[in-house]
Amino acid sequence: MDAYQTSIYTAILIASIIIGAIIVYFVMSMIRQQRRNQELYKSKISAEVNTLEKERARMASDLHDEMGPILSSVKLKMNCLDITSAEDQAQLEKINEHIDTIILRMREISNDLMPTTFLRKGLVAAIEESIANNDFKSDLQIRFTHSDIPELGREKAIHLYRIIQELIHNTVKHARATTLSLELSVKNNKIVLTSADNGIGFNYSNRVNESKGFGLRSLLSRTEIMNGEMYVDNRRGKGMEYVFEIPLETFKKS
């Protein structure tokens, strides 16, 4: 090989190295940008959801601490009125019934916005109470099992509670299922939530892309906020199965 050929090969080699370095640089830049975009997206979603939860807590407090006592006071004062007419007394009794219904409904709404049991006793107790009270007004048979779950930071644990609420709501509304099994456990330093029903199933990807798929999208959003993974088994005609895996360390930061 003469000097001319050597110089050509050397030039080609150098050019290849430079081009390769440029390609690697752009690929790494794209990866870094993608990661930054993901972090920005996660931060944006986290801020929006956390703001929503704070607003829910505020509204629940307002309903429970302010509106409830006001209505009770109105009822008390009305019952102190000197009513002699049987017709007026009958109307008063109806008004009392309406006020009682409003107070009960307000308590239900307040508890749905921010369950008092969740605040006092934690995630597992709140789930058990919600199922026992049939908050979802359905004949669906829900079986909830759990292992020894450690105390979880409230700020992140509320996302798990909302995920379970959404899973039950979707099953009641869309699945035509008669049974739903929920399991909460700790495996390999992760909180693992499994949900399986015996309903008709559906195509998860198609449903999420529909305009009415907000609830399903929230499952993934809340999972990502907790740095977790979500898996869906589209068992069409055989029900739906979801698995959520959340690192335990996520809950220690809240």
Protein backbone atom coordinates (compact mmCIF):
# COMPACT_ATOMS: atom_id res chain seq x y z
CA MET A 1 0.00 0.00 0.00
CA ASP A 2 1.53 3.28 -1.13
CA ALA A 3 1.47 6.54 0.77
CA TYR A 4 -1.50 7.87 -1.25
CA GLN A 5 -3.69 4.88 -0.43
CA THR A 6 -2.61 5.03 3.19
CA SER A 7 -3.60 8.67 3.41
CA ILE A 8 -7.01 7.89 1.85
CA TYR A 9 -7.66 5.05 4.30
CA THR A 10 -6.53 7.25 7.15
CA ALA A 11 -8.84 10.04 6.01
CA ILE A 12 -11.76 7.59 5.68
CA LEU A 13 -11.03 6.18 9.14
CA ILE A 14 -10.87 9.64 10.70
CA ALA A 15 -14.06 10.69 8.90
CA SER A 16 -15.82 7.52 10.06
CA ILE A 17 -14.75 8.16 13.64
CA ILE A 18 -15.93 11.77 13.46
CA ILE A 19 -19.27 10.78 11.89
CA GLY A 20 -19.69 8.01 14.46
CA ALA A 21 -18.93 10.45 17.28
CA ILE A 22 -21.47 12.92 15.87
CA ILE A 23 -24.12 10.20 15.61
CA VAL A 24 -23.43 9.04 19.17
CA TYR A 25 -23.60 12.65 20.37
CA PHE A 26 -26.96 13.26 18.70
CA VAL A 27 -28.38 9.95 19.94
CA MET A 28 -27.25 10.70 23.50
CA SER A 29 -28.66 14.23 23.19
CA MET A 30 -31.99 12.85 22.03
CA ILE A 31 -32.06 10.37 24.91
CA ARG A 32 -31.24 13.10 27.43
CA GLN A 33 -33.89 15.38 25.91
CA GLN A 34 -36.43 12.57 26.03
CA ARG A 35 -35.63 11.96 29.68
CA ARG A 36 -35.95 15.68 30.43
CA ASN A 37 -39.30 15.77 28.64
CA GLN A 38 -40.47 12.75 30.63
CA GLU A 39 -39.40 14.38 33.89
CA LEU A 40 -41.11 17.64 32.92
CA TYR A 41 -44.26 15.75 31.99
CA LYS A 42 -44.17 13.80 35.25
CA SER A 43 -43.61 17.00 37.24
CA LYS A 44 -46.50 18.70 35.43
CA ILE A 45 -48.88 15.79 36.01
CA SER A 46 -47.73 15.47 39.62
CA ALA A 47 -48.35 19.16 40.27
CA GLU A 48 -51.81 18.99 38.69
CA VAL A 49 -52.84 15.86 40.59
CA ASN A 50 -51.44 17.14 43.90
CA THR A 51 -53.33 20.41 43.40
CA LEU A 52 -56.47 18.40 42.71
CA GLU A 53 -56.01 16.38 45.90
CA LYS A 54 -55.45 19.52 47.96
CA GLU A 55 -58.60 21.06 46.51
CA ARG A 56 -60.52 17.89 47.27
CA ALA A 57 -59.28 17.97 50.86
CA ARG A 58 -60.28 21.63 51.20
CA MET A 59 -63.76 21.02 49.80
CA ALA A 60 -64.23 17.98 52.04
CA SER A 61 -63.24 20.05 55.05
CA ASP A 62 -65.60 22.88 54.07
CA LEU A 63 -68.52 20.49 53.63
CA HIS A 64 -67.84 18.63 56.87
CA ASP A 65 -66.83 21.52 59.13
CA GLU A 66 -68.98 24.37 57.80
CA MET A 67 -71.98 23.31 55.74
CA GLY A 68 -72.92 20.38 57.97
CA PRO A 69 -73.17 22.41 61.19
CA ILE A 70 -75.05 25.20 59.36
CA LEU A 71 -77.72 22.79 58.12
CA SER A 72 -77.98 21.15 61.54
CA SER A 73 -78.46 24.60 63.08
CA VAL A 74 -81.18 25.45 60.55
CA LYS A 75 -82.97 22.20 61.36
CA LEU A 76 -82.75 22.90 65.10
CA LYS A 77 -84.15 26.42 64.75
CA MET A 78 -86.98 25.28 62.52
CA ASN A 79 -87.98 22.66 65.08
CA CYS A 80 -88.14 25.41 67.71
CA LEU A 81 -90.86 27.23 65.77
CA ASP A 82 -94.31 27.28 67.38
CA ILE A 83 -96.34 25.44 64.79
CA THR A 84 -99.96 24.56 65.58
CA SER A 85 -101.34 23.72 62.17
CA ALA A 86 -101.25 20.02 61.31
CA GLU A 87 -100.56 20.92 57.69
CA ASP A 88 -97.60 23.11 58.64
CA GLN A 89 -96.30 20.38 60.96
CA ALA A 90 -96.42 17.90 58.10
CA GLN A 91 -94.50 20.34 55.89
CA LEU A 92 -91.92 20.81 58.66
CA GLU A 93 -91.41 17.07 58.90
CA LYS A 94 -90.84 16.89 55.15
CA ILE A 95 -88.35 19.75 55.36
CA ASN A 96 -86.54 17.93 58.18
CA GLU A 97 -86.36 14.82 56.02
CA HIS A 98 -84.92 16.84 53.13
CA ILE A 99 -82.33 18.44 55.43
CA ASP A 100 -81.35 15.01 56.80
CA THR A 101 -80.97 13.74 53.23
CA ILE A 102 -78.81 16.73 52.30
CA ILE A 103 -76.61 16.28 55.39
CA LEU A 104 -76.18 12.56 54.63
CA ARG A 105 -75.36 13.24 50.99
CA MET A 106 -72.87 15.94 52.00
CA ARG A 107 -71.13 13.47 54.30
CA GLU A 108 -70.93 10.96 51.46
CA ILE A 109 -69.50 13.58 49.09
CA SER A 110 -67.06 14.79 51.74
CA ASN A 111 -65.90 11.24 52.41
CA ASP A 112 -65.50 10.58 48.68
CA LEU A 113 -63.43 13.74 48.27
CA MET A 114 -61.13 12.84 51.18
CA PRO A 115 -62.00 9.78 53.30
CA THR A 116 -61.69 10.52 57.01
CA THR A 117 -60.68 6.90 57.63
CA PHE A 118 -57.78 7.32 55.21
CA LEU A 119 -56.60 10.36 57.17
CA ARG A 120 -57.02 8.67 60.56
CA LYS A 121 -56.13 5.02 59.92
CA GLY A 122 -54.42 4.82 56.54
CA LEU A 123 -54.84 3.17 53.16
CA VAL A 124 -55.87 -0.40 54.03
CA ALA A 125 -58.51 0.65 56.56
CA ALA A 126 -59.97 3.16 54.09
CA ILE A 127 -60.26 0.52 51.35
CA GLU A 128 -61.85 -2.00 53.71
CA GLU A 129 -64.37 0.55 54.98
CA SER A 130 -65.27 1.72 51.48
CA ILE A 131 -65.96 -1.85 50.36
CA ALA A 132 -67.86 -2.74 53.55
CA ASN A 133 -70.08 0.34 53.21
CA ASN A 134 -70.70 -0.41 49.52
CA ASP A 135 -69.76 3.15 48.60
CA PHE A 136 -70.04 2.14 44.96
CA LYS A 137 -73.74 1.22 45.23
CA SER A 138 -73.39 -2.06 43.35
CA ASP A 139 -74.05 -5.79 43.70
CA LEU A 140 -70.46 -6.44 42.63
CA GLN A 141 -68.75 -8.85 45.02
CA ILE A 142 -65.37 -7.36 45.93
CA ARG A 143 -62.71 -9.48 47.59
CA PHE A 144 -59.85 -7.47 49.06
CA THR A 145 -56.80 -9.20 50.50
CA HIS A 146 -53.55 -7.74 51.72
CA SER A 147 -50.30 -8.75 53.34
CA ASP A 148 -48.63 -6.82 56.16
CA ILE A 149 -48.43 -3.38 54.51
CA PRO A 150 -46.02 -0.91 56.17
CA GLU A 151 -47.11 2.61 56.99
CA LEU A 152 -47.15 4.60 53.76
CA GLY A 153 -46.64 8.33 53.30
CA ARG A 154 -50.07 9.92 52.89
CA GLU A 155 -49.18 12.12 49.91
CA LYS A 156 -48.31 9.12 47.74
CA ALA A 157 -50.66 6.59 49.33
CA ILE A 158 -53.66 8.67 48.27
CA HIS A 159 -52.72 7.87 44.66
CA LEU A 160 -53.04 4.15 45.40
CA TYR A 161 -56.42 4.78 47.00
CA ARG A 162 -57.61 6.72 43.94
CA ILE A 163 -56.33 3.97 41.64
CA ILE A 164 -58.37 1.39 43.56
CA GLN A 165 -61.42 3.67 43.46
CA GLU A 166 -61.07 4.00 39.69
CA LEU A 167 -60.61 0.24 39.22
CA ILE A 168 -63.79 -0.49 41.16
CA HIS A 169 -65.69 2.30 39.39
CA ASN A 170 -64.68 0.99 35.94
CA THR A 171 -65.60 -2.56 36.90
CA VAL A 172 -69.03 -1.49 38.17
CA LYS A 173 -69.74 0.76 35.19
CA HIS A 174 -68.29 -1.12 32.22
CA ALA A 175 -67.21 -4.69 33.01
CA ARG A 176 -70.57 -6.41 33.63
CA ALA A 177 -68.67 -8.40 36.21
CA THR A 178 -70.03 -10.17 39.29
CA THR A 179 -66.73 -10.47 41.15
CA LEU A 180 -63.62 -8.35 41.55
CA SER A 181 -60.47 -9.46 43.36
CA LEU A 182 -58.05 -6.88 44.72
CA GLU A 183 -54.74 -7.82 46.31
CA LEU A 184 -52.23 -5.49 47.95
CA SER A 185 -48.85 -6.93 48.88
CA VAL A 186 -45.15 -6.23 49.26
CA LYS A 187 -42.76 -8.07 46.94
CA ASN A 188 -39.11 -7.33 46.18
CA ASN A 189 -39.24 -3.92 47.89
CA LYS A 190 -42.31 -2.95 45.88
CA ILE A 191 -45.93 -2.35 46.71
CA VAL A 192 -47.85 -4.59 44.30
CA LEU A 193 -51.54 -4.02 43.57
CA THR A 194 -53.36 -6.65 41.51
CA SER A 195 -56.92 -6.33 40.22
CA ALA A 196 -58.85 -9.02 38.33
CA ASP A 197 -62.55 -9.29 37.43
CA ASN A 198 -64.73 -11.82 35.61
CA GLY A 199 -66.35 -9.31 33.27
CA ILE A 200 -66.41 -8.92 29.51
CA GLY A 201 -63.02 -7.20 29.20
CA PHE A 202 -62.11 -4.58 26.61
CA ASN A 203 -59.24 -3.28 24.53
CA TYR A 204 -57.39 -1.03 26.96
CA SER A 205 -55.40 0.91 24.34
CA ASN A 206 -58.51 1.75 22.31
CA ARG A 207 -60.48 2.80 25.37
CA VAL A 208 -57.68 5.05 26.65
CA ASN A 209 -57.52 6.85 23.30
CA GLU A 210 -61.25 7.58 23.42
CA SER A 211 -62.39 10.97 24.68
CA LYS A 212 -64.07 9.30 27.66
CA GLY A 213 -60.93 7.43 28.72
CA PHE A 214 -59.83 10.03 31.30
CA GLY A 215 -60.30 7.67 34.24
CA LEU A 216 -58.14 5.00 32.63
CA ARG A 217 -55.46 7.55 31.74
CA SER A 218 -55.42 8.66 35.36
CA LEU A 219 -54.40 5.12 36.37
CA LEU A 220 -51.19 5.45 34.37
CA SER A 221 -50.62 9.08 35.39
CA ARG A 222 -50.85 8.29 39.10
CA THR A 223 -48.63 5.23 38.63
CA GLU A 224 -45.97 7.33 36.90
CA ILE A 225 -46.14 9.94 39.66
CA MET A 226 -45.15 7.16 42.07
CA ASN A 227 -42.32 6.01 39.75
CA GLY A 228 -44.15 2.74 39.25
CA GLU A 229 -45.06 0.37 36.44
CA MET A 230 -48.54 -0.59 35.26
CA TYR A 231 -49.37 -3.78 33.35
CA VAL A 232 -52.72 -4.57 31.71
CA ASP A 233 -53.96 -7.95 30.47
CA ASN A 234 -56.71 -7.37 27.89
CA ARG A 235 -58.54 -10.62 28.44
CA ARG A 236 -61.44 -9.77 26.13
CA GLY A 237 -64.43 -11.87 27.10
CA LYS A 238 -62.63 -13.07 30.23
CA GLY A 239 -62.35 -9.90 32.27
CA MET A 240 -59.54 -7.45 32.94
CA GLU A 241 -56.39 -7.83 34.99
CA TYR A 242 -54.20 -4.95 36.16
CA VAL A 243 -50.90 -5.11 38.01
CA PHE A 244 -49.28 -2.04 39.56
CA GLU A 245 -45.74 -2.16 40.96
CA ILE A 246 -44.60 0.82 43.04
CA PRO A 247 -41.14 1.08 44.67
CA LEU A 248 -41.46 1.16 48.46
CA GLU A 249 -38.96 4.02 48.65
CA THR A 250 -41.47 6.21 46.80
CA PHE A 251 -43.71 6.27 49.86
CA LYS A 252 -40.85 7.16 52.20
CA LYS A 253 -40.33 10.45 50.39
CA SER A 254 -43.86 11.72 51.00
